[in-house]
Amino acid sequence: MARTILTIVGVILALWLVVSVIGAIFSMLKLFFFVGLVAVVVVLVVSLITKSAKKG
């Protein structure tokens, strides 16, 4: 009986670990996406400012 309970608890803990790791990976990917998006916007703004400064 105890072995069955421990097996069930082990499976539940393993599933919880897998879900936690998947959540952490998705959070990291979202962070990298938003940081990359901000970097692209900054590069575009800086390039537009330098082009307008060269014309004037």
C-alpha atoms as a PDB file:
ATOM      1  CA  MET A   1       0.000   0.000   0.000  1.00  0.00           C
ATOM      2  CA  ALA A   2       2.762   2.426   0.926  1.00  0.00           C
ATOM      3  CA  ARG A   3       4.618   1.651  -2.309  1.00  0.00           C
ATOM      4  CA  THR A   4       1.532   2.550  -4.363  1.00  0.00           C
ATOM      5  CA  ILE A   5       1.095   5.846  -2.521  1.00  0.00           C
ATOM      6  CA  LEU A   6       4.772   6.732  -2.938  1.00  0.00           C
ATOM      7  CA  THR A   7       4.587   5.897  -6.657  1.00  0.00           C
ATOM      8  CA  ILE A   8       1.585   8.185  -7.093  1.00  0.00           C
ATOM      9  CA  VAL A   9       3.310  10.977  -5.153  1.00  0.00           C
ATOM     10  CA  GLY A  10       6.437  10.525  -7.283  1.00  0.00           C
ATOM     11  CA  VAL A  11       4.454  10.761 -10.511  1.00  0.00           C
ATOM     12  CA  ILE A  12       2.676  13.898  -9.288  1.00  0.00           C
ATOM     13  CA  LEU A  13       5.998  15.509  -8.321  1.00  0.00           C
ATOM     14  CA  ALA A  14       7.537  14.590 -11.682  1.00  0.00           C
ATOM     15  CA  LEU A  15       4.591  16.132 -13.564  1.00  0.00           C
ATOM     16  CA  TRP A  16       4.793  19.265 -11.398  1.00  0.00           C
ATOM     17  CA  LEU A  17       8.513  19.570 -12.175  1.00  0.00           C
ATOM     18  CA  VAL A  18       7.916  19.198 -15.925  1.00  0.00           C
ATOM     19  CA  VAL A  19       5.169  21.838 -15.902  1.00  0.00           C
ATOM     20  CA  SER A  20       7.381  24.204 -13.880  1.00  0.00           C
ATOM     21  CA  VAL A  21      10.301  23.795 -16.282  1.00  0.00           C
ATOM     22  CA  ILE A  22       8.066  24.377 -19.321  1.00  0.00           C
ATOM     23  CA  GLY A  23       6.654  27.510 -17.673  1.00  0.00           C
ATOM     24  CA  ALA A  24      10.146  28.802 -16.940  1.00  0.00           C
ATOM     25  CA  ILE A  25      11.242  28.222 -20.544  1.00  0.00           C
ATOM     26  CA  PHE A  26       8.206  30.079 -21.909  1.00  0.00           C
ATOM     27  CA  SER A  27       8.819  32.962 -19.492  1.00  0.00           C
ATOM     28  CA  MET A  28      12.435  33.190 -20.623  1.00  0.00           C
ATOM     29  CA  LEU A  29      11.432  33.179 -24.289  1.00  0.00           C
ATOM     30  CA  LYS A  30       8.870  35.945 -23.685  1.00  0.00           C
ATOM     31  CA  LEU A  31      11.531  38.013 -21.909  1.00  0.00           C
ATOM     32  CA  PHE A  32      14.000  37.546 -24.777  1.00  0.00           C
ATOM     33  CA  PHE A  33      11.283  38.470 -27.304  1.00  0.00           C
ATOM     34  CA  PHE A  34      10.389  41.704 -25.520  1.00  0.00           C
ATOM     35  CA  VAL A  35      14.044  42.660 -24.991  1.00  0.00           C
ATOM     36  CA  GLY A  36      14.689  42.060 -28.699  1.00  0.00           C
ATOM     37  CA  LEU A  37      11.636  44.100 -29.638  1.00  0.00           C
ATOM     38  CA  VAL A  38      12.804  47.025 -27.513  1.00  0.00           C
ATOM     39  CA  ALA A  39      16.286  46.767 -29.028  1.00  0.00           C
ATOM     40  CA  VAL A  40      14.847  46.908 -32.574  1.00  0.00           C
ATOM     41  CA  VAL A  41      12.748  49.963 -31.699  1.00  0.00           C
ATOM     42  CA  VAL A  42      15.779  51.715 -30.189  1.00  0.00           C
ATOM     43  CA  VAL A  43      17.894  50.971 -33.275  1.00  0.00           C
ATOM     44  CA  LEU A  44      15.154  52.293 -35.572  1.00  0.00           C
ATOM     45  CA  VAL A  45      14.736  55.489 -33.549  1.00  0.00           C
ATOM     46  CA  VAL A  46      18.473  56.126 -33.398  1.00  0.00           C
ATOM     47  CA  SER A  47      18.885  55.509 -37.119  1.00  0.00           C
ATOM     48  CA  LEU A  48      16.008  57.885 -37.922  1.00  0.00           C
ATOM     49  CA  ILE A  49      17.495  60.575 -35.670  1.00  0.00           C
ATOM     50  CA  THR A  50      20.931  60.279 -37.261  1.00  0.00           C
ATOM     51  CA  LYS A  51      19.465  60.409 -40.792  1.00  0.00           C
ATOM     52  CA  SER A  52      17.455  63.522 -39.962  1.00  0.00           C
ATOM     53  CA  ALA A  53      20.526  65.151 -38.366  1.00  0.00           C
ATOM     54  CA  LYS A  54      22.615  64.526 -41.508  1.00  0.00           C
ATOM     55  CA  LYS A  55      19.959  66.134 -43.736  1.00  0.00           C
ATOM     56  CA  GLY A  56      19.639  69.284 -41.611  1.00  0.00           C
END
